[in-house]
Protein backbone atom coordinates (compact mmCIF):
# COMPACT_ATOMS: atom_id res chain seq x y z
CA MET A 1 -65.95 73.77 -93.92
CA SER A 2 -63.92 76.03 -91.70
CA ILE A 3 -63.66 75.57 -87.94
CA THR A 4 -64.28 78.40 -85.46
CA LEU A 5 -61.13 79.64 -83.80
CA ALA A 6 -60.43 81.44 -80.56
CA THR A 7 -57.13 83.07 -79.47
CA ARG A 8 -55.85 81.32 -76.35
CA SER A 9 -55.11 84.61 -74.63
CA GLU A 10 -55.65 83.15 -71.18
CA LEU A 11 -52.33 81.36 -71.52
CA THR A 12 -50.47 84.65 -71.15
CA MET A 13 -50.50 84.82 -67.39
CA TYR A 14 -48.90 81.39 -67.00
CA SER A 15 -46.46 81.24 -69.91
CA LEU A 16 -42.76 81.94 -69.98
CA PRO A 17 -41.85 85.33 -71.47
CA ASP A 18 -41.46 85.08 -75.20
CA TRP A 19 -37.68 85.65 -75.02
CA ALA A 20 -37.30 82.54 -72.90
CA PHE A 21 -39.47 80.20 -74.97
CA TYR A 22 -37.23 79.23 -77.84
CA PRO A 23 -33.90 78.87 -75.98
CA ILE A 24 -35.62 76.35 -73.71
CA ALA A 25 -37.46 74.64 -76.55
CA ALA A 26 -34.24 74.37 -78.53
CA LEU A 27 -32.51 72.64 -75.64
CA ALA A 28 -35.38 70.14 -75.39
CA VAL A 29 -35.50 69.13 -79.03
CA THR A 30 -32.02 69.87 -80.39
CA GLY A 31 -31.50 66.41 -81.88
CA MET A 32 -34.94 66.19 -83.43
CA VAL A 33 -34.84 69.70 -84.89
CA ALA A 34 -31.50 69.04 -86.60
CA GLY A 35 -33.16 66.30 -88.63
CA ALA A 36 -36.28 68.30 -89.27
CA LEU A 37 -34.36 71.36 -90.52
CA SER A 38 -32.63 69.22 -93.13
CA THR A 39 -35.99 67.93 -94.30
CA GLY A 40 -38.18 71.04 -94.74
CA SER A 41 -40.66 70.28 -97.55
CA GLY A 42 -38.04 68.54 -99.75
CA PRO A 43 -34.92 69.39 -101.77
CA THR A 44 -33.60 72.94 -102.01
CA ARG A 45 -36.05 75.15 -103.91
CA PRO A 46 -35.63 78.56 -105.54
CA ARG A 47 -36.89 81.50 -103.53
CA GLU A 48 -39.52 82.49 -106.16
CA GLU A 49 -40.86 78.97 -106.20
CA ILE A 50 -41.28 78.99 -102.41
CA LEU A 51 -43.07 82.33 -102.56
CA THR A 52 -45.33 81.26 -105.45
CA ASP A 53 -46.11 77.61 -104.57
CA GLY A 54 -45.73 77.69 -100.78
CA ILE A 55 -44.86 74.71 -98.58
CA LEU A 56 -46.97 71.54 -98.37
CA PHE A 57 -46.82 68.61 -96.00
CA GLU A 58 -49.11 65.69 -96.86
CA GLY A 59 -48.78 62.01 -97.64
CA ASP A 60 -45.26 60.73 -97.19
CA SER A 61 -43.94 64.21 -96.30
CA LEU A 62 -45.89 64.04 -93.06
CA ASN A 63 -42.98 61.98 -91.80
CA ALA A 64 -41.11 65.25 -91.41
CA ILE A 65 -43.15 65.98 -88.27
CA THR A 66 -41.26 66.28 -84.98
CA VAL A 67 -42.66 66.15 -81.46
CA GLY A 68 -41.56 67.90 -78.28
CA ASN A 69 -41.70 66.48 -74.79
CA GLY A 70 -45.15 65.31 -73.74
CA LEU A 71 -46.36 64.31 -77.22
CA SER A 72 -46.13 61.32 -79.51
CA VAL A 73 -46.95 60.82 -83.22
CA GLN A 74 -47.60 58.00 -85.62
CA VAL A 75 -47.98 58.40 -89.42
CA LEU A 76 -50.80 56.07 -90.44
CA THR A 77 -52.74 55.22 -93.62
CA GLN A 78 -56.41 54.21 -93.36
CA ASP A 79 -58.83 53.82 -96.28
CA GLY A 80 -56.25 55.44 -98.61
CA GLU A 81 -55.79 58.53 -96.37
CA THR A 82 -52.38 59.21 -94.82
CA PHE A 83 -52.28 61.32 -91.65
CA ALA A 84 -50.25 61.92 -88.53
CA ARG A 85 -51.94 60.84 -85.34
CA ILE A 86 -50.78 63.10 -82.54
CA ALA A 87 -51.31 62.35 -78.88
CA ALA A 88 -50.63 64.64 -75.92
CA VAL A 89 -50.15 63.60 -72.27
CA ARG A 90 -49.81 67.16 -70.98
CA GLY A 91 -50.49 70.74 -71.99
CA PRO A 92 -48.05 73.14 -73.56
CA LEU A 93 -47.34 75.04 -70.30
CA GLU A 94 -46.84 71.91 -68.13
CA GLY A 95 -43.11 71.26 -68.21
CA ILE A 96 -40.62 72.10 -70.88
CA GLN A 97 -42.24 74.26 -73.55
CA SER A 98 -41.93 73.57 -77.25
CA ALA A 99 -43.78 74.06 -80.52
CA GLY A 100 -45.75 70.79 -79.87
CA ALA A 101 -45.95 68.45 -82.83
CA PHE A 102 -44.37 70.56 -85.52
CA PHE A 103 -42.92 70.95 -89.01
CA THR A 104 -39.68 72.94 -89.29
CA LEU A 105 -38.98 75.40 -92.07
CA SER A 106 -35.65 74.97 -93.80
CA PRO A 107 -33.11 77.82 -94.00
CA ASP A 108 -33.98 78.44 -97.62
CA GLU A 109 -37.71 78.59 -96.77
CA LEU A 110 -37.06 81.01 -93.90
CA THR A 111 -34.99 83.28 -96.15
CA ALA A 112 -37.71 83.35 -98.77
CA LEU A 113 -40.67 83.82 -96.50
CA GLN A 114 -39.38 86.19 -93.77
CA GLY A 115 -40.97 89.62 -93.86
CA HIS A 116 -44.27 88.27 -95.24
CA ARG A 117 -47.61 87.65 -93.69
CA ILE A 118 -48.36 83.94 -93.64
CA ARG A 119 -51.42 81.76 -94.19
CA VAL A 120 -51.42 78.20 -92.83
CA ARG A 121 -54.05 75.61 -93.64
CA PHE A 122 -54.39 72.57 -91.36
CA ARG A 123 -56.58 69.63 -92.33
CA LEU A 124 -57.53 67.80 -89.15
CA ARG A 125 -60.10 65.71 -87.28
CA GLN A 126 -60.70 64.04 -83.95
CA ALA A 127 -59.07 60.58 -83.96
CA ASP A 128 -61.57 57.70 -84.01
CA VAL A 129 -60.07 56.49 -80.75
CA ASP A 130 -59.75 58.93 -77.81
CA GLY A 131 -60.38 61.88 -80.14
CA ALA A 132 -59.40 65.37 -78.93
CA GLU A 133 -62.26 67.83 -78.81
CA THR A 134 -59.89 70.81 -79.04
CA THR A 135 -56.42 71.49 -80.34
CA LEU A 136 -54.00 74.39 -80.25
CA LEU A 137 -52.32 75.57 -83.47
CA ASN A 138 -49.60 78.11 -84.24
CA PHE A 139 -46.87 79.39 -86.52
CA PHE A 140 -43.80 80.12 -84.43
CA VAL A 141 -41.06 82.48 -85.58
CA ASP A 142 -38.89 85.02 -83.80
CA GLY A 143 -40.94 87.14 -81.41
CA VAL A 144 -43.85 84.65 -81.22
CA GLY A 145 -44.30 82.71 -77.97
CA GLN A 146 -46.56 80.50 -75.96
CA ASN A 147 -49.18 83.19 -75.41
CA THR A 148 -50.22 83.14 -79.07
CA TRP A 149 -51.60 79.57 -79.44
CA ARG A 150 -54.95 79.54 -81.20
CA GLU A 151 -57.65 77.01 -80.37
CA ALA A 152 -59.66 74.97 -82.85
CA MET A 153 -62.42 72.43 -82.37
CA PRO A 154 -62.07 69.55 -84.82
CA GLY A 155 -64.99 67.36 -85.84
CA SER A 156 -65.18 63.68 -86.59
CA ASP A 157 -64.40 64.26 -90.30
CA PHE A 158 -61.40 65.97 -91.79
CA GLU A 159 -61.94 69.69 -92.09
CA ASP A 160 -59.70 72.67 -92.95
CA VAL A 161 -58.62 75.26 -90.40
CA ILE A 162 -57.09 78.39 -92.02
CA LEU A 163 -55.06 80.79 -89.91
CA GLU A 164 -53.24 84.03 -90.93
CA PHE A 165 -50.24 85.39 -89.13
CA SER A 166 -48.40 88.72 -89.15
CA PRO A 167 -45.06 87.99 -87.48
CA PRO A 168 -43.72 90.86 -85.34
CA ARG A 169 -40.15 90.68 -86.72
CA CYS A 170 -38.83 90.96 -90.25
CA GLU A 171 -36.00 88.41 -89.94
CA TRP A 172 -36.57 84.82 -88.79
CA ALA A 173 -33.88 82.53 -87.41
CA TYR A 174 -36.38 79.66 -87.09
CA GLY A 175 -39.89 78.70 -88.10
CA TYR A 176 -42.17 75.95 -86.77
CA ILE A 177 -45.75 75.08 -87.69
CA GLY A 178 -47.15 73.46 -84.60
CA ALA A 179 -50.20 71.61 -83.20
CA TRP A 180 -50.94 70.48 -79.67
CA PRO A 181 -54.13 68.45 -79.00
CA ASP A 182 -56.05 68.52 -75.76
CA SER A 183 -54.27 66.38 -73.15
CA ARG A 184 -57.25 65.10 -71.21
CA PRO A 185 -57.14 61.31 -70.75
CA THR A 186 -59.22 59.47 -73.36
CA ARG A 187 -59.71 62.76 -75.31
CA ASN A 188 -56.15 63.47 -76.47
CA ASN A 189 -55.64 62.19 -80.06
CA LEU A 190 -55.71 64.35 -83.15
CA ASP A 191 -55.41 63.31 -86.83
CA LEU A 192 -53.54 65.79 -89.04
CA ALA A 193 -53.64 65.03 -92.84
CA LEU A 194 -52.23 68.23 -94.37
CA VAL A 195 -50.40 71.42 -93.51
CA GLU A 196 -49.99 74.07 -96.23
CA LEU A 197 -48.15 77.33 -95.79
CA THR A 198 -48.73 80.20 -98.21
CA ALA A 199 -46.87 83.54 -98.36
CA LEU A 200 -49.13 86.59 -98.38
CA ASP A 201 -48.23 90.27 -98.80
CA GLN A 202 -45.02 91.74 -97.44
CA ILE A 203 -45.31 93.22 -94.00
CA GLU A 204 -44.99 97.02 -93.94
CA GLY A 205 -41.48 98.06 -93.02
CA CYS A 206 -39.93 94.71 -94.01
CA HIS A 207 -37.74 94.44 -97.10
CA SER A 208 -37.88 91.32 -99.22
CA SER A 209 -34.71 89.21 -99.19
CA THR A 210 -32.92 88.78 -102.44
CA ARG A 211 -30.95 85.73 -101.31
CA GLY A 212 -31.86 82.18 -102.36
């Protein structure tokens, strides 16, 4: 079952300009991103494999998740299901901005995927304790800022949310797949069991990289 989505356009009037978002986020999470960049979805992979098979985080690879200021995460296993439980104590525009609880694309993955439209599948639910009724989701690359979060409403069981993105720039210096649950007290925990990124068609005007 898919979950209804709504673009969080109302964030625009309060957010930092897009050009300011990532320099500030990078300062906030420099140490954590360094580790995440080296992780990606595993060992170095050929470009064609990345384009054909995509990138998948589930099971043990959920440990690659990184959190910005104002969030925490635990990777748990219950009834044979492994998931990341993400908790938020503030919203994305309250304090230092970041990509939330996020997975970082490796340099090889960025080189392979840049210039393509992207599909991201999130498998998520409200946590059974203090479950979040809403969550924000995004795929951040160059030119994408805080005004582009999309809102989903998870249920009590794991369901898939599928988003498609057309990045505004052809070359990407960074890539983060992010989630940020509602930060209301007692309603601020989200369970994330899977994140899958798939390359779609090449964006018009972008030329496919031959490196990798």
